[in-house]
N, C-alpha and C. Protein backbone atom coordinates (compact mmCIF):
# COMPACT_ATOMS: atom_id res chain seq x y z
N MET A 1 -11.24 -37.12 -20.13
CA MET A 1 -10.28 -38.05 -19.50
C MET A 1 -10.55 -37.62 -17.98
N THR A 2 -9.98 -38.79 -17.19
CA THR A 2 -10.43 -38.36 -15.63
C THR A 2 -8.61 -38.35 -15.13
N THR A 3 -8.30 -37.89 -14.12
CA THR A 3 -7.13 -37.89 -13.64
C THR A 3 -7.16 -38.94 -12.25
N PHE A 4 -6.60 -39.37 -11.80
CA PHE A 4 -6.32 -40.33 -11.14
C PHE A 4 -5.55 -39.88 -9.79
N ALA A 5 -5.72 -39.97 -8.64
CA ALA A 5 -5.09 -39.35 -7.87
C ALA A 5 -4.42 -40.26 -6.81
N LEU A 6 -3.39 -40.44 -6.88
CA LEU A 6 -2.96 -41.77 -6.48
C LEU A 6 -2.25 -41.45 -5.45
N ILE A 7 -2.55 -42.27 -4.00
CA ILE A 7 -2.20 -41.96 -2.73
C ILE A 7 -1.18 -43.18 -2.12
N HIS A 8 0.16 -42.86 -1.77
CA HIS A 8 0.87 -44.04 -1.64
C HIS A 8 0.63 -44.33 0.06
N GLY A 9 1.44 -45.34 0.38
CA GLY A 9 1.31 -45.66 1.75
C GLY A 9 1.98 -45.57 2.40
N GLY A 10 2.24 -46.15 4.04
CA GLY A 10 2.90 -45.72 4.52
C GLY A 10 4.70 -46.01 4.28
N GLY A 11 5.56 -44.86 4.54
CA GLY A 11 6.54 -45.07 4.07
C GLY A 11 7.27 -44.68 2.52
N GLY A 12 5.89 -44.59 1.82
CA GLY A 12 6.31 -44.50 0.39
C GLY A 12 6.68 -43.13 -0.01
N SER A 13 6.57 -42.94 -1.54
CA SER A 13 5.89 -41.69 -2.05
C SER A 13 5.52 -42.31 -3.39
N GLY A 14 5.65 -40.88 -3.83
CA GLY A 14 4.80 -41.17 -5.96
C GLY A 14 5.55 -42.31 -6.69
N TRP A 15 6.63 -42.57 -6.12
CA TRP A 15 7.65 -43.28 -6.96
C TRP A 15 7.01 -44.61 -7.20
N ASP A 16 6.35 -44.76 -6.10
CA ASP A 16 5.81 -46.31 -5.74
C ASP A 16 5.16 -46.32 -7.13
N PHE A 17 4.12 -45.38 -7.68
CA PHE A 17 3.51 -45.00 -9.20
C PHE A 17 3.80 -45.10 -10.16
N HIS A 18 5.18 -44.92 -10.52
CA HIS A 18 5.54 -44.84 -11.81
C HIS A 18 5.75 -45.47 -12.70
N LEU A 19 5.59 -47.12 -12.42
CA LEU A 19 5.14 -47.47 -13.77
C LEU A 19 3.33 -47.76 -13.63
N LEU A 20 2.59 -47.25 -13.14
CA LEU A 20 1.30 -47.53 -13.22
C LEU A 20 0.92 -45.84 -13.99
N GLY A 21 1.28 -45.05 -13.69
CA GLY A 21 1.00 -43.52 -14.11
C GLY A 21 1.04 -43.65 -15.52
N PRO A 22 2.08 -44.25 -16.39
CA PRO A 22 2.50 -44.29 -17.68
C PRO A 22 1.11 -45.13 -18.15
N GLU A 23 0.74 -45.84 -17.43
CA GLU A 23 -0.34 -47.04 -18.03
C GLU A 23 -1.33 -46.32 -18.43
N LEU A 24 -2.04 -45.90 -17.00
CA LEU A 24 -3.08 -44.98 -17.21
C LEU A 24 -3.26 -43.78 -18.31
N VAL A 25 -1.93 -43.03 -18.68
CA VAL A 25 -1.98 -42.04 -19.52
C VAL A 25 -2.28 -42.72 -20.70
N ALA A 26 -1.38 -44.23 -20.96
CA ALA A 26 -1.52 -45.10 -22.49
C ALA A 26 -2.81 -45.08 -22.70
N ARG A 27 -3.45 -45.19 -21.64
CA ARG A 27 -5.20 -45.26 -21.73
C ARG A 27 -6.18 -44.06 -21.82
N GLY A 28 -5.90 -43.36 -21.88
CA GLY A 28 -6.23 -41.71 -22.09
C GLY A 28 -6.78 -40.79 -20.91
N HIS A 29 -5.95 -41.58 -20.11
CA HIS A 29 -6.18 -41.03 -18.56
C HIS A 29 -5.13 -40.03 -17.67
N GLY A 30 -5.20 -39.05 -16.64
CA GLY A 30 -3.75 -38.20 -16.27
C GLY A 30 -3.93 -39.26 -15.41
N PHE A 31 -2.84 -38.47 -14.07
CA PHE A 31 -2.77 -38.99 -12.54
C PHE A 31 -1.67 -38.03 -12.07
N VAL A 32 -2.13 -38.05 -10.77
CA VAL A 32 -0.61 -37.29 -9.71
C VAL A 32 -0.38 -38.24 -9.22
N ALA A 33 0.43 -38.25 -8.36
CA ALA A 33 1.21 -39.09 -7.35
C ALA A 33 1.84 -38.51 -6.83
N PRO A 34 1.66 -37.62 -5.74
CA PRO A 34 2.19 -36.72 -4.71
C PRO A 34 3.04 -37.44 -3.61
N ASP A 35 4.14 -37.07 -3.35
CA ASP A 35 4.58 -37.45 -2.13
C ASP A 35 3.89 -36.27 -0.92
N LEU A 36 3.63 -37.24 -0.13
CA LEU A 36 2.54 -36.85 1.32
C LEU A 36 3.94 -36.54 2.24
N PRO A 37 3.15 -35.37 3.00
CA PRO A 37 5.18 -34.84 3.90
C PRO A 37 4.83 -35.96 4.86
N ILE A 38 5.09 -37.06 5.02
CA ILE A 38 5.21 -37.69 5.92
C ILE A 38 7.00 -37.64 6.41
N THR A 39 7.41 -37.19 6.28
CA THR A 39 8.54 -36.91 6.97
C THR A 39 8.77 -35.28 8.00
N ASP A 40 7.21 -34.87 7.78
CA ASP A 40 6.94 -33.32 9.04
C ASP A 40 6.93 -33.91 9.56
N SER A 41 7.11 -34.01 11.37
CA SER A 41 6.77 -34.08 12.22
C SER A 41 5.32 -33.42 12.56
N SER A 42 5.28 -32.00 11.74
CA SER A 42 4.22 -31.46 12.14
C SER A 42 2.75 -31.59 11.54
N ALA A 43 3.15 -32.25 10.31
CA ALA A 43 2.09 -32.96 9.60
C ALA A 43 1.03 -33.98 9.90
N GLY A 44 -0.20 -33.80 9.74
CA GLY A 44 -1.21 -34.89 9.85
C GLY A 44 -2.19 -34.89 8.67
N LEU A 45 -3.10 -35.46 8.84
CA LEU A 45 -4.36 -35.69 7.81
C LEU A 45 -4.39 -34.77 7.18
N ASP A 46 -5.02 -33.53 7.55
CA ASP A 46 -5.09 -32.31 6.66
C ASP A 46 -4.18 -31.75 5.47
N SER A 47 -2.77 -32.13 6.42
CA SER A 47 -1.46 -31.37 5.14
C SER A 47 -1.67 -32.54 3.96
N PHE A 48 -1.84 -33.94 4.36
CA PHE A 48 -1.86 -35.23 3.34
C PHE A 48 -2.62 -34.69 2.33
N VAL A 49 -4.07 -34.53 2.90
CA VAL A 49 -5.09 -34.04 2.27
C VAL A 49 -5.09 -32.85 1.10
N ASP A 50 -4.39 -31.63 1.42
CA ASP A 50 -4.01 -30.43 0.84
C ASP A 50 -2.80 -30.58 0.23
N THR A 51 -1.84 -31.68 0.36
CA THR A 51 -0.97 -32.15 -0.70
C THR A 51 -1.58 -32.26 -1.71
N VAL A 52 -2.52 -33.40 -1.59
CA VAL A 52 -3.21 -33.76 -2.85
C VAL A 52 -4.17 -33.00 -3.69
N LEU A 53 -4.24 -32.32 -3.09
CA LEU A 53 -5.54 -30.88 -3.40
C LEU A 53 -4.32 -30.17 -4.43
N ASP A 54 -3.25 -29.45 -4.09
CA ASP A 54 -2.31 -29.01 -4.62
C ASP A 54 -2.06 -29.80 -5.84
N ALA A 55 -1.88 -31.02 -5.85
CA ALA A 55 -1.43 -31.70 -7.03
C ALA A 55 -2.23 -31.85 -7.73
N LEU A 56 -3.46 -31.54 -7.74
CA LEU A 56 -4.57 -31.70 -8.48
C LEU A 56 -5.35 -30.33 -9.51
N GLU A 57 -4.74 -29.23 -8.80
CA GLU A 57 -5.06 -28.12 -8.97
C GLU A 57 -6.46 -27.89 -9.26
N ASP A 58 -6.95 -27.38 -10.24
CA ASP A 58 -8.66 -27.18 -10.27
C ASP A 58 -9.02 -28.46 -11.52
N THR A 59 -8.16 -29.84 -11.18
CA THR A 59 -9.02 -30.85 -12.00
C THR A 59 -10.34 -30.96 -11.28
N SER A 60 -11.03 -31.39 -12.27
CA SER A 60 -12.33 -31.53 -12.27
C SER A 60 -13.34 -32.74 -11.87
N ASP A 61 -12.74 -33.64 -13.05
CA ASP A 61 -12.80 -35.15 -13.29
C ASP A 61 -12.00 -36.00 -12.32
N VAL A 62 -12.18 -36.36 -11.06
CA VAL A 62 -11.44 -37.11 -10.19
C VAL A 62 -11.37 -38.83 -9.76
N ALA A 63 -10.40 -39.45 -10.04
CA ALA A 63 -10.51 -40.73 -9.15
C ALA A 63 -9.62 -40.86 -8.21
N VAL A 64 -9.84 -41.49 -6.93
CA VAL A 64 -8.86 -41.32 -5.89
C VAL A 64 -8.55 -42.32 -5.84
N VAL A 65 -7.68 -42.77 -5.57
CA VAL A 65 -6.80 -44.72 -5.28
C VAL A 65 -6.18 -44.46 -3.54
N GLY A 66 -5.99 -45.30 -2.91
CA GLY A 66 -5.33 -45.01 -1.88
C GLY A 66 -4.89 -46.25 -1.71
N HIS A 67 -3.54 -46.37 -1.56
CA HIS A 67 -2.78 -47.93 -1.39
C HIS A 67 -2.48 -48.22 0.04
N SER A 68 -3.14 -49.25 0.48
CA SER A 68 -2.63 -49.58 2.08
C SER A 68 -2.51 -48.20 2.97
N TYR A 69 -1.86 -47.39 3.61
CA TYR A 69 -2.10 -46.61 4.50
C TYR A 69 -2.64 -45.30 3.95
N GLY A 70 -2.52 -45.25 2.34
CA GLY A 70 -3.14 -43.96 1.92
C GLY A 70 -4.61 -43.93 1.96
N GLY A 71 -4.94 -45.15 2.65
CA GLY A 71 -6.69 -45.68 2.48
C GLY A 71 -6.87 -44.36 3.74
N PHE A 72 -6.52 -43.95 4.49
CA PHE A 72 -6.81 -42.95 5.70
C PHE A 72 -7.14 -41.57 4.64
N THR A 73 -6.33 -40.96 3.73
CA THR A 73 -6.00 -40.11 3.11
C THR A 73 -7.06 -39.89 2.34
N ALA A 74 -7.43 -41.46 1.36
CA ALA A 74 -8.20 -41.23 0.17
C ALA A 74 -9.60 -40.58 0.08
N PRO A 75 -10.34 -41.55 1.13
CA PRO A 75 -11.54 -41.33 1.02
C PRO A 75 -11.83 -39.15 1.40
N LEU A 76 -11.08 -38.79 2.50
CA LEU A 76 -10.66 -37.29 2.66
C LEU A 76 -10.75 -36.55 1.20
N VAL A 77 -9.80 -36.92 0.61
CA VAL A 77 -9.82 -36.18 -0.40
C VAL A 77 -10.88 -36.51 -1.56
N ALA A 78 -11.46 -37.44 -1.51
CA ALA A 78 -12.68 -38.06 -2.53
C ALA A 78 -13.87 -37.14 -2.13
N ALA A 79 -13.78 -36.56 -0.64
CA ALA A 79 -15.15 -35.83 -0.73
C ALA A 79 -14.61 -34.52 -0.74
N LYS A 80 -13.82 -34.35 -0.97
CA LYS A 80 -13.68 -32.17 -0.84
C LYS A 80 -13.53 -32.62 -2.59
N VAL A 81 -12.97 -33.12 -3.00
CA VAL A 81 -13.48 -33.15 -4.94
C VAL A 81 -14.60 -33.18 -5.34
N ARG A 82 -15.42 -34.07 -5.00
CA ARG A 82 -16.72 -34.86 -5.28
C ARG A 82 -16.33 -35.53 -6.29
N ALA A 83 -15.32 -36.43 -6.03
CA ALA A 83 -14.86 -37.58 -6.84
C ALA A 83 -15.98 -38.41 -7.41
N ARG A 84 -15.46 -38.47 -8.40
CA ARG A 84 -16.08 -40.10 -9.20
C ARG A 84 -16.03 -41.32 -9.19
N LEU A 85 -14.68 -41.58 -8.51
CA LEU A 85 -14.77 -43.22 -8.08
C LEU A 85 -13.87 -43.03 -6.55
N LEU A 86 -13.60 -43.83 -5.52
CA LEU A 86 -12.72 -44.13 -5.01
C LEU A 86 -12.30 -45.53 -4.93
N VAL A 87 -11.25 -45.82 -4.91
CA VAL A 87 -10.82 -47.16 -4.87
C VAL A 87 -9.79 -47.29 -3.71
N TYR A 88 -10.32 -48.37 -2.65
CA TYR A 88 -8.84 -48.83 -1.69
C TYR A 88 -8.53 -50.00 -2.14
N LEU A 89 -6.91 -49.68 -2.62
CA LEU A 89 -5.80 -50.82 -3.47
C LEU A 89 -5.63 -51.16 -2.10
N ALA A 90 -5.63 -52.83 -1.81
CA ALA A 90 -4.92 -53.28 -0.71
C ALA A 90 -5.19 -52.28 0.38
N GLY A 91 -5.88 -51.11 0.60
CA GLY A 91 -6.31 -50.41 1.32
C GLY A 91 -6.65 -50.53 3.02
N MET A 92 -6.42 -49.72 3.46
CA MET A 92 -6.70 -49.50 5.21
C MET A 92 -8.16 -48.70 5.17
N ILE A 93 -9.43 -49.47 5.64
CA ILE A 93 -10.24 -48.66 5.71
C ILE A 93 -10.82 -48.43 6.94
N PRO A 94 -10.93 -46.74 6.87
CA PRO A 94 -11.30 -46.24 8.22
C PRO A 94 -12.48 -46.40 8.59
N ALA A 95 -12.57 -46.41 9.92
CA ALA A 95 -13.60 -45.77 10.66
C ALA A 95 -14.16 -44.55 11.29
N PRO A 96 -15.29 -43.85 11.08
CA PRO A 96 -15.24 -42.83 11.83
C PRO A 96 -14.55 -42.55 13.46
N GLY A 97 -13.71 -41.46 13.27
CA GLY A 97 -13.23 -41.32 14.72
C GLY A 97 -12.01 -41.94 15.27
N GLU A 98 -11.71 -43.19 13.96
CA GLU A 98 -10.41 -43.83 14.62
C GLU A 98 -8.86 -43.19 14.17
N PRO A 99 -8.18 -43.40 14.83
CA PRO A 99 -6.70 -43.03 14.28
C PRO A 99 -5.78 -43.79 13.99
N PRO A 100 -5.21 -43.37 12.99
CA PRO A 100 -4.66 -44.58 12.34
C PRO A 100 -3.81 -45.80 13.17
N GLY A 101 -3.28 -44.78 14.34
CA GLY A 101 -2.54 -46.17 15.30
C GLY A 101 -3.47 -47.50 15.76
N GLN A 102 -5.00 -46.78 15.65
CA GLN A 102 -5.66 -47.71 16.31
C GLN A 102 -6.27 -48.74 15.54
N TRP A 103 -6.08 -48.64 14.13
CA TRP A 103 -6.80 -49.45 13.28
C TRP A 103 -6.47 -50.95 13.26
N TRP A 104 -4.90 -50.98 13.42
CA TRP A 104 -4.62 -52.36 13.82
C TRP A 104 -5.29 -53.35 14.57
N GLY A 105 -5.70 -52.92 15.68
CA GLY A 105 -6.11 -53.60 16.52
C GLY A 105 -7.32 -53.77 16.65
N ASN A 106 -8.19 -52.62 16.20
CA ASN A 106 -9.27 -52.87 16.03
C ASN A 106 -9.78 -53.65 14.73
N THR A 107 -9.27 -53.68 13.93
CA THR A 107 -9.88 -54.86 12.68
C THR A 107 -8.70 -56.05 12.97
N GLY A 108 -8.32 -56.37 14.32
CA GLY A 108 -7.93 -57.68 14.38
C GLY A 108 -6.64 -58.42 13.18
N PHE A 109 -6.31 -57.08 12.83
CA PHE A 109 -4.79 -57.65 11.94
C PHE A 109 -3.89 -58.23 12.52
N SER A 110 -3.09 -59.03 11.88
CA SER A 110 -2.05 -60.19 12.46
C SER A 110 -1.04 -60.12 11.74
N SER A 111 0.06 -59.65 12.35
CA SER A 111 1.31 -59.37 11.59
C SER A 111 1.86 -60.94 10.95
N PRO A 112 2.19 -61.17 9.57
CA PRO A 112 2.76 -62.01 9.05
C PRO A 112 3.82 -62.40 9.79
N ALA A 113 3.95 -63.94 10.28
CA ALA A 113 5.10 -64.37 11.02
C ALA A 113 6.10 -64.87 10.10
N GLY A 114 7.67 -64.75 10.30
CA GLY A 114 8.37 -65.19 9.67
C GLY A 114 9.31 -64.69 8.31
N LEU A 115 8.23 -63.78 8.11
CA LEU A 115 8.54 -63.22 6.95
C LEU A 115 9.31 -61.82 6.77
N SER A 116 10.25 -61.57 5.92
CA SER A 116 11.12 -60.28 5.57
C SER A 116 10.11 -59.50 5.21
N GLU A 117 10.82 -58.07 5.40
CA GLU A 117 9.39 -57.46 4.44
C GLU A 117 9.90 -57.50 3.07
N ALA A 118 10.85 -57.89 2.60
CA ALA A 118 10.55 -58.27 1.42
C ALA A 118 9.55 -59.27 0.54
N GLU A 119 9.50 -60.24 1.50
CA GLU A 119 9.03 -61.54 1.05
C GLU A 119 7.08 -60.90 1.38
N GLN A 120 6.91 -59.78 2.52
CA GLN A 120 5.75 -59.77 2.92
C GLN A 120 5.13 -58.37 1.97
N PHE A 121 6.00 -57.67 1.08
CA PHE A 121 5.53 -56.42 0.28
C PHE A 121 5.54 -56.80 -1.21
N PHE A 122 6.52 -57.54 -1.41
CA PHE A 122 7.55 -57.50 -2.89
C PHE A 122 7.53 -58.71 -3.36
N ASN A 123 6.33 -59.70 -2.58
CA ASN A 123 6.81 -61.14 -3.53
C ASN A 123 6.00 -61.12 -5.00
N GLY A 124 6.95 -61.71 -5.96
CA GLY A 124 6.77 -61.22 -7.50
C GLY A 124 6.98 -60.17 -8.21
N VAL A 125 7.46 -59.09 -7.29
CA VAL A 125 8.35 -57.68 -7.15
C VAL A 125 10.02 -58.25 -7.97
N PRO A 126 10.52 -57.88 -9.43
CA PRO A 126 11.90 -58.07 -9.90
C PRO A 126 12.76 -57.76 -8.78
N ALA A 127 13.63 -58.18 -8.08
CA ALA A 127 14.45 -58.07 -7.02
C ALA A 127 15.36 -56.50 -7.10
N SER A 128 15.67 -56.23 -8.46
CA SER A 128 16.17 -54.93 -8.32
C SER A 128 14.91 -54.28 -8.29
N LEU A 129 13.89 -54.07 -9.00
CA LEU A 129 12.52 -53.12 -8.69
C LEU A 129 12.44 -52.81 -7.37
N ALA A 130 12.00 -54.00 -6.39
CA ALA A 130 12.08 -54.13 -4.59
C ALA A 130 13.22 -53.48 -4.27
N GLU A 131 14.46 -53.83 -4.65
CA GLU A 131 15.47 -52.65 -4.00
C GLU A 131 15.40 -51.32 -4.08
N GLU A 132 15.38 -50.92 -5.32
CA GLU A 132 15.39 -49.76 -5.73
C GLU A 132 13.98 -48.90 -4.80
N CYS A 133 13.05 -49.68 -4.75
CA CYS A 133 11.42 -49.30 -4.12
C CYS A 133 12.02 -48.83 -2.69
N GLN A 134 12.56 -49.67 -2.12
CA GLN A 134 13.02 -49.65 -0.35
C GLN A 134 13.99 -48.16 -0.75
N ALA A 135 14.23 -48.56 -1.59
CA ALA A 135 15.50 -47.21 -1.46
C ALA A 135 14.92 -45.86 -1.84
N HIS A 136 13.55 -45.79 -2.19
CA HIS A 136 12.88 -44.92 -2.64
C HIS A 136 12.23 -44.57 -0.71
N GLY A 137 12.21 -45.50 -0.24
CA GLY A 137 11.47 -45.62 1.14
C GLY A 137 11.70 -43.88 1.91
N ARG A 138 10.73 -43.58 2.81
CA ARG A 138 11.26 -42.37 3.65
C ARG A 138 10.27 -42.80 5.12
N GLU A 139 11.17 -42.36 5.81
CA GLU A 139 10.90 -42.31 7.64
C GLU A 139 9.50 -41.72 7.99
N GLN A 140 8.36 -42.72 8.33
CA GLN A 140 7.37 -41.59 8.73
C GLN A 140 7.21 -40.77 10.20
N VAL A 141 7.25 -40.18 9.70
CA VAL A 141 7.56 -39.44 11.47
C VAL A 141 6.10 -37.92 11.67
N SER A 142 5.36 -38.09 10.63
CA SER A 142 4.29 -37.19 10.56
C SER A 142 3.42 -37.62 11.90
N LYS A 143 2.29 -36.56 12.07
CA LYS A 143 1.63 -36.81 13.21
C LYS A 143 -0.11 -37.48 13.19
N GLU A 144 0.09 -37.76 12.10
CA GLU A 144 -1.70 -38.67 12.19
C GLU A 144 -1.82 -39.42 12.85
N TRP A 145 -0.74 -40.07 13.24
CA TRP A 145 -0.98 -41.72 13.81
C TRP A 145 -1.96 -41.59 14.66
N ASP A 146 -2.15 -40.42 15.66
CA ASP A 146 -3.15 -40.35 16.85
C ASP A 146 -4.38 -39.69 16.59
N GLU A 147 -4.67 -39.18 15.58
CA GLU A 147 -5.20 -38.31 14.59
C GLU A 147 -6.62 -39.16 14.41
N PRO A 148 -7.72 -39.08 15.16
CA PRO A 148 -9.30 -39.18 14.63
C PRO A 148 -9.59 -38.88 13.54
N TRP A 149 -9.91 -39.90 12.69
CA TRP A 149 -10.20 -39.86 11.34
C TRP A 149 -11.89 -39.17 11.58
N PRO A 150 -11.29 -37.65 10.51
CA PRO A 150 -12.63 -36.85 10.74
C PRO A 150 -14.19 -36.99 10.36
N LEU A 151 -14.48 -37.96 9.24
CA LEU A 151 -15.42 -37.64 8.54
C LEU A 151 -16.85 -38.86 9.44
N PRO A 152 -17.49 -37.98 9.69
CA PRO A 152 -18.43 -38.91 10.32
C PRO A 152 -19.37 -40.20 9.65
N ALA A 153 -18.73 -40.30 8.20
CA ALA A 153 -19.28 -41.48 7.48
C ALA A 153 -18.50 -41.79 6.44
N HIS A 154 -18.29 -42.43 5.46
CA HIS A 154 -17.94 -42.70 4.20
C HIS A 154 -18.37 -41.83 3.51
N PRO A 155 -17.54 -41.13 2.43
CA PRO A 155 -18.19 -40.44 1.54
C PRO A 155 -19.03 -40.55 0.75
N ASP A 156 -20.09 -40.30 -0.21
CA ASP A 156 -20.95 -40.38 -0.85
C ASP A 156 -20.18 -40.66 -2.36
N VAL A 157 -19.44 -41.41 -2.45
CA VAL A 157 -18.89 -41.48 -3.99
C VAL A 157 -18.78 -43.17 -4.18
N PRO A 158 -19.17 -43.43 -5.29
CA PRO A 158 -18.92 -44.72 -5.86
C PRO A 158 -17.61 -45.44 -4.93
N THR A 159 -17.94 -46.65 -4.50
CA THR A 159 -16.34 -46.88 -3.99
C THR A 159 -15.91 -48.25 -4.43
N ARG A 160 -15.26 -48.90 -4.69
CA ARG A 160 -14.45 -50.18 -4.75
C ARG A 160 -13.07 -50.48 -3.77
N VAL A 161 -13.37 -51.64 -3.74
CA VAL A 161 -11.87 -52.03 -2.62
C VAL A 161 -11.19 -53.45 -3.61
N VAL A 162 -10.16 -53.12 -3.70
CA VAL A 162 -9.27 -54.26 -4.88
C VAL A 162 -8.66 -54.73 -3.49
N LEU A 163 -8.19 -55.79 -3.66
CA LEU A 163 -7.52 -56.72 -2.63
C LEU A 163 -6.47 -57.63 -3.81
N CYS A 164 -5.13 -57.78 -3.27
CA CYS A 164 -4.51 -58.73 -4.13
C CYS A 164 -4.27 -60.15 -3.60
N ARG A 165 -4.45 -61.07 -4.74
CA ARG A 165 -4.40 -62.25 -4.38
C ARG A 165 -3.14 -63.05 -3.80
N ASP A 166 -2.08 -62.17 -3.74
CA ASP A 166 -0.87 -62.81 -3.77
C ASP A 166 -0.06 -62.27 -2.56
N ASP A 167 -0.76 -61.35 -1.91
CA ASP A 167 -0.99 -60.32 -0.57
C ASP A 167 -0.08 -61.18 0.21
N ARG A 168 0.68 -61.30 1.12
CA ARG A 168 0.99 -61.56 2.08
C ARG A 168 1.47 -61.05 3.60
N PHE A 169 0.69 -59.27 3.64
CA PHE A 169 0.46 -58.47 4.20
C PHE A 169 -0.71 -58.47 4.95
N PHE A 170 -1.35 -57.75 4.03
CA PHE A 170 -3.12 -57.82 4.07
C PHE A 170 -3.18 -58.95 3.62
N VAL A 171 -3.46 -60.16 4.01
CA VAL A 171 -4.10 -61.36 3.06
C VAL A 171 -5.75 -61.02 2.71
N PRO A 172 -5.53 -61.97 1.55
CA PRO A 172 -7.12 -61.92 1.07
C PRO A 172 -8.29 -62.52 2.19
N ASP A 173 -8.01 -62.95 3.25
CA ASP A 173 -9.68 -63.24 3.66
C ASP A 173 -9.51 -61.83 5.02
N PHE A 174 -8.34 -61.43 5.42
CA PHE A 174 -8.46 -60.16 6.39
C PHE A 174 -9.16 -59.09 5.88
N GLN A 175 -8.65 -58.85 4.32
CA GLN A 175 -9.12 -57.83 3.34
C GLN A 175 -10.86 -57.72 2.99
N ARG A 176 -11.31 -59.01 2.74
CA ARG A 176 -12.55 -59.29 2.55
C ARG A 176 -13.49 -59.12 4.05
N ARG A 177 -13.17 -59.50 5.09
CA ARG A 177 -13.98 -59.20 6.14
C ARG A 177 -14.09 -57.54 6.53
N VAL A 178 -12.48 -57.38 6.39
CA VAL A 178 -12.46 -55.82 6.63
C VAL A 178 -13.73 -54.54 5.57
N ALA A 179 -13.48 -55.00 4.52
CA ALA A 179 -14.36 -54.47 3.33
C ALA A 179 -15.68 -54.88 3.84
N ARG A 180 -16.27 -56.16 4.17
CA ARG A 180 -17.65 -56.31 4.79
C ARG A 180 -17.93 -55.55 5.74
N GLU A 181 -17.24 -55.63 6.84
CA GLU A 181 -17.69 -55.52 8.04
C GLU A 181 -17.87 -53.61 7.50
N ARG A 182 -17.03 -52.73 7.04
CA ARG A 182 -16.56 -51.54 6.86
C ARG A 182 -17.30 -50.65 5.95
N LEU A 183 -17.35 -51.55 5.16
CA LEU A 183 -18.29 -51.10 3.86
C LEU A 183 -19.24 -51.38 3.29
N GLY A 184 -19.28 -52.62 4.09
CA GLY A 184 -20.77 -53.61 3.30
C GLY A 184 -20.44 -54.03 2.17
N VAL A 185 -19.25 -54.26 1.35
CA VAL A 185 -18.95 -54.69 0.06
C VAL A 185 -17.82 -55.91 0.04
N GLU A 186 -17.94 -56.36 -1.26
CA GLU A 186 -17.41 -57.68 -1.86
C GLU A 186 -15.70 -56.65 -2.48
N PRO A 187 -14.78 -57.16 -1.97
CA PRO A 187 -13.69 -56.48 -2.50
C PRO A 187 -13.91 -57.29 -4.05
N ASP A 188 -13.12 -56.77 -5.12
CA ASP A 188 -12.63 -57.13 -6.11
C ASP A 188 -10.92 -57.89 -6.13
N GLU A 189 -11.01 -58.86 -6.91
CA GLU A 189 -9.59 -59.26 -6.46
C GLU A 189 -8.72 -59.25 -8.14
N ILE A 190 -7.21 -59.07 -7.78
CA ILE A 190 -6.38 -58.80 -9.09
C ILE A 190 -4.92 -59.45 -8.62
N ASP A 191 -4.40 -60.58 -9.39
CA ASP A 191 -3.52 -61.09 -9.12
C ASP A 191 -1.88 -60.17 -8.49
N GLY A 192 -1.22 -60.36 -7.91
CA GLY A 192 -0.30 -59.34 -7.64
C GLY A 192 -0.14 -59.42 -5.72
N PRO A 193 1.20 -59.03 -5.45
CA PRO A 193 1.45 -58.71 -4.21
C PRO A 193 0.99 -57.63 -4.01
N HIS A 194 1.29 -56.96 -2.11
CA HIS A 194 1.10 -55.89 -1.56
C HIS A 194 1.30 -54.96 -2.61
N CYS A 195 2.40 -54.75 -3.30
CA CYS A 195 3.09 -53.59 -4.20
C CYS A 195 2.50 -53.69 -5.61
N VAL A 196 1.03 -53.94 -5.79
CA VAL A 196 0.77 -54.58 -7.01
C VAL A 196 0.87 -53.67 -8.23
N PRO A 197 1.04 -52.16 -7.75
CA PRO A 197 1.62 -51.39 -8.90
C PRO A 197 2.89 -51.52 -9.59
N LEU A 198 3.66 -52.50 -8.69
CA LEU A 198 4.95 -52.14 -9.44
C LEU A 198 5.33 -53.71 -9.85
N SER A 199 4.39 -54.75 -9.73
CA SER A 199 4.28 -56.13 -10.01
C SER A 199 3.30 -55.98 -10.95
N HIS A 200 2.18 -55.43 -11.41
CA HIS A 200 1.12 -55.49 -12.07
C HIS A 200 0.63 -54.29 -12.76
N PRO A 201 1.52 -53.57 -13.02
CA PRO A 201 1.06 -52.02 -13.33
C PRO A 201 0.06 -52.21 -14.64
N ALA A 202 0.17 -53.02 -15.56
CA ALA A 202 -0.93 -52.95 -16.88
C ALA A 202 -2.27 -53.33 -16.62
N ALA A 203 -1.92 -54.54 -15.71
CA ALA A 203 -3.65 -55.38 -15.33
C ALA A 203 -4.03 -54.28 -14.44
N LEU A 204 -3.29 -53.57 -13.48
CA LEU A 204 -3.57 -52.46 -12.35
C LEU A 204 -4.51 -51.54 -13.31
N ALA A 205 -3.57 -50.94 -14.36
CA ALA A 205 -4.36 -50.04 -15.03
C ALA A 205 -5.76 -50.41 -15.59
N GLU A 206 -5.90 -50.98 -16.31
CA GLU A 206 -6.71 -51.90 -16.82
C GLU A 206 -8.04 -51.60 -15.87
N ARG A 207 -7.78 -52.56 -14.33
CA ARG A 207 -8.81 -52.50 -13.88
C ARG A 207 -9.28 -51.45 -13.29
N LEU A 208 -8.54 -49.93 -12.98
CA LEU A 208 -8.99 -49.05 -12.59
C LEU A 208 -9.74 -48.36 -13.54
N VAL A 209 -9.17 -48.33 -14.73
CA VAL A 209 -9.71 -47.78 -15.83
C VAL A 209 -11.31 -48.59 -16.01
N SER A 210 -11.54 -49.86 -15.75
CA SER A 210 -12.51 -50.50 -16.33
C SER A 210 -13.96 -49.69 -15.30
N TYR A 211 -13.49 -49.18 -13.72
CA TYR A 211 -14.14 -48.50 -12.89
C TYR A 211 -14.59 -47.24 -13.61
N LEU A 212 -14.76 -46.57 -14.49
CA LEU A 212 -14.88 -45.27 -15.18
C LEU A 212 -16.39 -45.88 -15.71
């Protein structure tokens, strides 16, 4: 049994994976989905990593999944636990020494024009579920925004990049380019929007488990 460490994105919480987690369990695996301390202005990347490690306790067979902004934390966790798998799920792929706040300009990210928050993140998610997710959102005031990403290179861990075909925030062409430039890999693709753990939890679980 592998334990999936599911790391949420900016302003999110472990609740974002409340549909995906049971799908992983149904396939014979476990998961942790902790709330990162994003509401603590003294918390940075080290605190994020410690939160995930505390949730994993002494688990030895670990796959790490970083969703969106969780991509800055996921490889740090993967390096600490010697994970068997690292997955960037519609994830921000960091460069050594790069603060998260500089990622946007460094990658040439262009914010989608004329779309509401719901249209950017939740297209294809039932309206009631999207509203519930937004209600679980938290204000991110933690200090990692200006912290240089600390690793000298990406960890020596089998790594996959998964893009969402219907993503209107990190659009597919953008994700493909960043994956090629930063990791030298071609991303895999899955149907769904940026918040694919809510829209396609079963298909996403199947994909994640297939990587094992």
